């Protein structure tokens, strides 16, 4: 299920870890997800206000940084889409194909998470 990396395209710079920068980046790589991002922001804000904890907003921002990473890197995007298609085409959660696809989704998300937390952002730096 793992495809070879496609690193031949010049992509947008990795955004700064701010809501506005991540929103602008998402608009470029996956504009169809902007409504979902906004809806989740409102939910995170409501829970943060209720609990008095900013961690909900940090989690929301990190989640969307990871989505931008996946959508902005052809290698991750193709792996993610293939695994998601496999998940949706299996009849049972017990099927080996379902389990393998779920493992691949988790692996892609972990790679995106690691990239977001480990690499610099902004400026002229591009995804590698």
Protein backbone atom coordinates (compact mmCIF):
# COMPACT_ATOMS: atom_id res chain seq x y z
CA UNK A 1 0.00 0.00 0.00
CA UNK A 2 2.99 2.31 0.39
CA UNK A 3 3.76 4.17 -2.83
CA UNK A 4 7.20 5.58 -3.59
CA UNK A 5 7.56 9.23 -2.60
CA UNK A 6 6.71 11.79 -5.26
CA UNK A 7 8.98 14.67 -4.39
CA UNK A 8 9.36 16.19 -7.85
CA UNK A 9 6.75 18.92 -7.46
CA UNK A 10 7.46 22.31 -5.99
CA UNK A 11 4.94 22.84 -3.23
CA UNK A 12 3.97 25.71 -1.00
CA UNK A 13 6.17 26.52 1.98
CA UNK A 14 5.21 24.80 5.20
CA UNK A 15 3.05 27.34 7.04
CA UNK A 16 3.87 29.03 10.30
CA UNK A 17 2.00 27.40 13.20
CA UNK A 18 -0.71 30.04 13.38
CA UNK A 19 -4.40 29.64 12.55
CA UNK A 20 -4.27 32.17 9.71
CA UNK A 21 -1.15 30.69 8.10
CA UNK A 22 -2.52 27.15 8.31
CA UNK A 23 -5.86 28.30 6.87
CA UNK A 24 -4.11 29.99 3.91
CA UNK A 25 -2.05 26.85 3.27
CA UNK A 26 -5.12 24.63 3.47
CA UNK A 27 -6.90 26.91 0.99
CA UNK A 28 -4.09 26.21 -1.47
CA UNK A 29 -3.75 22.44 -1.02
CA UNK A 30 -7.29 21.36 -0.02
CA UNK A 31 -9.81 24.20 -0.27
CA UNK A 32 -12.70 21.74 0.01
CA UNK A 33 -11.72 21.19 3.67
CA UNK A 34 -11.93 24.84 4.79
CA UNK A 35 -15.51 24.47 6.05
CA UNK A 36 -14.54 21.45 8.11
CA UNK A 37 -11.57 23.34 9.56
CA UNK A 38 -13.77 26.28 10.52
CA UNK A 39 -16.43 24.05 12.08
CA UNK A 40 -13.82 22.23 14.18
CA UNK A 41 -12.30 25.56 15.23
CA UNK A 42 -15.67 26.72 16.54
CA UNK A 43 -16.10 23.44 18.44
CA UNK A 44 -12.59 23.67 19.92
CA UNK A 45 -13.16 27.29 20.92
CA UNK A 46 -16.46 26.46 22.61
CA UNK A 47 -14.91 23.61 24.60
CA UNK A 48 -11.86 25.74 25.48
CA UNK A 49 -14.11 28.50 26.79
CA UNK A 50 -16.19 26.02 28.75
CA UNK A 51 -13.16 24.24 30.26
CA UNK A 52 -10.92 27.28 30.49
CA UNK A 53 -8.11 25.32 28.82
CA UNK A 54 -6.28 26.38 25.68
CA UNK A 55 -5.17 22.81 24.94
CA UNK A 56 -8.29 22.25 22.83
CA UNK A 57 -7.21 25.03 20.47
CA UNK A 58 -3.64 23.75 20.35
CA UNK A 59 -4.91 20.29 19.44
CA UNK A 60 -7.10 21.79 16.69
CA UNK A 61 -4.18 23.73 15.22
CA UNK A 62 -1.85 20.73 15.34
CA UNK A 63 -4.46 18.53 13.68
CA UNK A 64 -4.82 20.98 10.79
CA UNK A 65 -1.06 21.45 10.46
CA UNK A 66 -0.91 17.68 9.96
CA UNK A 67 -3.74 17.77 7.39
CA UNK A 68 -1.86 20.47 5.44
CA UNK A 69 1.29 18.35 5.60
CA UNK A 70 -0.57 15.33 4.20
CA UNK A 71 -2.34 17.31 1.48
CA UNK A 72 0.77 19.30 0.60
CA UNK A 73 3.08 16.34 0.08
CA UNK A 74 2.19 14.17 -2.91
CA UNK A 75 3.85 11.12 -1.32
CA UNK A 76 1.76 11.35 1.84
CA UNK A 77 -1.42 12.36 0.03
CA UNK A 78 -1.29 9.38 -2.35
CA UNK A 79 -0.58 6.94 0.49
CA UNK A 80 -3.39 8.43 2.58
CA UNK A 81 -5.91 8.35 -0.27
CA UNK A 82 -5.02 4.76 -1.22
CA UNK A 83 -5.37 3.60 2.38
CA UNK A 84 -8.65 5.45 2.82
CA UNK A 85 -10.04 3.90 -0.37
CA UNK A 86 -9.03 0.48 0.92
CA UNK A 87 -10.75 1.11 4.26
CA UNK A 88 -13.97 2.08 2.49
CA UNK A 89 -13.86 -0.90 0.12
CA UNK A 90 -13.62 -3.59 2.80
CA UNK A 91 -16.71 -5.27 4.19
CA UNK A 92 -15.47 -5.98 7.68
CA UNK A 93 -13.28 -4.34 10.25
CA UNK A 94 -11.85 -7.78 10.91
CA UNK A 95 -10.65 -8.16 7.32
CA UNK A 96 -6.85 -8.14 6.94
CA UNK A 97 -7.13 -5.47 4.20
CA UNK A 98 -9.02 -3.20 6.61
CA UNK A 99 -6.42 -3.68 9.34
CA UNK A 100 -3.55 -3.02 6.91
CA UNK A 101 -5.22 0.11 5.57
CA UNK A 102 -5.85 1.45 9.08
CA UNK A 103 -2.21 0.81 9.96
CA UNK A 104 -1.17 2.74 6.85
CA UNK A 105 -3.46 5.67 7.75
CA UNK A 106 -1.91 5.79 11.22
CA UNK A 107 1.60 5.62 9.69
CA UNK A 108 0.87 8.53 7.34
CA UNK A 109 -0.57 10.60 10.18
CA UNK A 110 2.45 9.80 12.37
CA UNK A 111 4.84 10.85 9.60
CA UNK A 112 2.92 14.10 9.13
CA UNK A 113 2.93 14.72 12.89
CA UNK A 114 6.67 14.13 13.08
CA UNK A 115 7.33 16.42 10.11
CA UNK A 116 5.24 19.22 11.58
CA UNK A 117 6.92 19.02 14.97
CA UNK A 118 10.49 18.49 13.76
CA UNK A 119 11.03 20.78 10.79
CA UNK A 120 11.20 24.54 10.47
CA UNK A 121 8.35 26.31 8.74
CA UNK A 122 7.75 29.42 6.69
CA UNK A 123 10.17 31.36 4.57
CA UNK A 124 11.49 29.71 1.44
CA UNK A 125 11.64 26.24 3.01
CA UNK A 126 9.62 23.76 1.00
CA UNK A 127 8.50 20.23 1.69
CA UNK A 128 11.17 17.76 0.78
